[in-house]
Amino acid sequence: MAQNHIQKGAVMPWTNNTGADVASGDVVDFADMIGVAAGDIADTEEGNLFVEEVFELTKEAPLVINQGDTVYFDPALGEIDKTNTNVQAGKAFAAAASAATTVLVKLNA
């Protein structure tokens, strides 16, 4: 293993300075990426965010998402969409029909 390897990087420590508590499973947008809270993170406290892996996230409806599409997180609505002016979330791991309320997302892919 390379001597400068630190960790795999699927989980990242994050300090919650949002002014509100973050619940386990909430999507957090920061910098130009998203993470999913690994547990509850009180305001001003540090916790862990998953920044890799596949998560089932709420999606905008009606909207068809095809497997492999680049998807984005709309922080105002808390939903995944295909609007490239929002925060890039990753790639659709599976297709989601128009009526679907969730989509599987490979984070930050």
Protein backbone atom coordinates (compact mmCIF):
# COMPACT_ATOMS: atom_id res chain seq x y z
CA MET A 1 0.00 0.00 0.00
CA ALA A 2 1.23 3.49 -0.78
CA GLN A 3 2.70 5.23 2.24
CA ASN A 4 0.52 8.29 1.68
CA HIS A 5 -2.78 6.34 1.63
CA ILE A 6 -5.06 7.59 4.42
CA GLN A 7 -8.36 5.71 4.04
CA LYS A 8 -10.78 4.41 1.38
CA GLY A 9 -12.83 7.63 1.41
CA ALA A 10 -16.39 6.30 1.36
CA VAL A 11 -17.14 8.23 4.57
CA MET A 12 -16.09 11.80 5.28
CA PRO A 13 -16.14 13.68 8.60
CA TRP A 14 -18.27 16.84 8.41
CA THR A 15 -19.08 19.61 10.86
CA ASN A 16 -22.71 20.68 10.77
CA ASN A 17 -22.83 24.47 10.61
CA THR A 18 -26.20 24.65 8.88
CA GLY A 19 -28.12 26.10 11.82
CA ALA A 20 -30.29 22.98 12.10
CA ASP A 21 -29.89 19.36 13.12
CA VAL A 22 -29.34 16.82 10.33
CA ALA A 23 -31.10 13.45 10.63
CA SER A 24 -29.60 10.12 9.69
CA GLY A 25 -30.22 9.56 5.98
CA ASP A 26 -30.60 13.26 5.13
CA VAL A 27 -28.84 14.53 2.04
CA VAL A 28 -26.29 17.25 2.76
CA ASP A 29 -24.94 19.45 -0.02
CA PHE A 30 -21.55 21.01 0.53
CA ALA A 31 -18.91 22.38 -1.80
CA ASP A 32 -19.81 20.85 -5.19
CA MET A 33 -20.94 17.44 -3.96
CA ILE A 34 -23.43 15.72 -1.68
CA GLY A 35 -23.24 13.32 1.22
CA VAL A 36 -25.78 11.24 3.13
CA ALA A 37 -25.70 11.56 6.93
CA ALA A 38 -24.52 8.29 8.48
CA GLY A 39 -26.28 9.21 11.74
CA ASP A 40 -27.96 12.16 13.40
CA ILE A 41 -25.68 15.23 13.45
CA ALA A 42 -26.67 18.05 15.80
CA ASP A 43 -25.99 21.62 14.71
CA THR A 44 -22.36 22.60 15.41
CA GLU A 45 -21.39 18.94 15.95
CA GLU A 46 -19.22 16.71 13.77
CA GLY A 47 -20.57 13.55 12.19
CA ASN A 48 -19.96 11.32 9.20
CA LEU A 49 -21.31 11.59 5.68
CA PHE A 50 -21.33 8.80 3.15
CA VAL A 51 -19.86 10.25 -0.06
CA GLU A 52 -19.79 7.01 -2.08
CA GLU A 53 -22.03 3.95 -2.42
CA VAL A 54 -25.63 3.72 -3.69
CA PHE A 55 -28.56 5.32 -1.86
CA GLU A 56 -32.29 5.48 -2.51
CA LEU A 57 -33.14 9.18 -2.65
CA THR A 58 -36.34 11.16 -3.17
CA LYS A 59 -36.76 12.25 -6.78
CA GLU A 60 -38.75 14.88 -8.55
CA ALA A 61 -41.96 13.53 -10.05
CA PRO A 62 -42.99 13.34 -12.78
CA LEU A 63 -39.52 12.83 -14.19
CA VAL A 64 -38.05 9.89 -16.08
CA ILE A 65 -34.47 9.05 -15.11
CA ASN A 66 -32.55 6.51 -17.15
CA GLN A 67 -29.85 4.25 -15.74
CA GLY A 68 -26.53 6.05 -16.00
CA ASP A 69 -28.01 9.56 -16.22
CA THR A 70 -26.13 12.26 -14.36
CA VAL A 71 -28.45 13.46 -11.60
CA TYR A 72 -28.48 16.52 -9.38
CA PHE A 73 -29.73 17.45 -5.91
CA ASP A 74 -32.10 20.39 -5.53
CA PRO A 75 -31.42 21.66 -1.99
CA ALA A 76 -34.56 23.82 -1.98
CA LEU A 77 -36.86 20.85 -2.64
CA GLY A 78 -34.67 18.07 -1.20
CA GLU A 79 -35.09 16.04 -4.39
CA ILE A 80 -33.03 14.49 -7.14
CA ASP A 81 -33.58 15.89 -10.62
CA LYS A 82 -31.73 16.34 -13.92
CA THR A 83 -31.24 20.13 -13.67
CA ASN A 84 -27.54 20.78 -14.09
CA THR A 85 -27.69 24.10 -12.22
CA ASN A 86 -28.25 22.17 -8.98
CA VAL A 87 -25.57 20.29 -6.99
CA GLN A 88 -24.28 17.24 -8.87
CA ALA A 89 -25.34 14.14 -6.93
CA GLY A 90 -23.89 11.34 -9.07
CA LYS A 91 -25.23 8.77 -11.53
CA ALA A 92 -28.55 6.94 -11.62
CA PHE A 93 -27.76 3.39 -10.56
CA ALA A 94 -31.08 2.19 -11.97
CA ALA A 95 -33.83 3.72 -14.08
CA ALA A 96 -36.76 5.44 -12.37
CA ALA A 97 -40.14 5.81 -14.06
CA SER A 98 -42.03 9.09 -14.20
CA ALA A 99 -44.36 8.08 -11.36
CA ALA A 100 -41.54 6.84 -9.10
CA THR A 101 -40.89 8.93 -5.99
CA THR A 102 -37.33 7.65 -5.47
CA VAL A 103 -34.26 6.82 -7.51
CA LEU A 104 -31.12 4.82 -6.75
CA VAL A 105 -28.08 7.13 -6.94
CA LYS A 106 -24.40 6.21 -6.94
CA LEU A 107 -23.13 9.20 -5.00
CA ASN A 108 -20.59 11.57 -6.54
CA ALA A 109 -19.90 9.26 -9.49
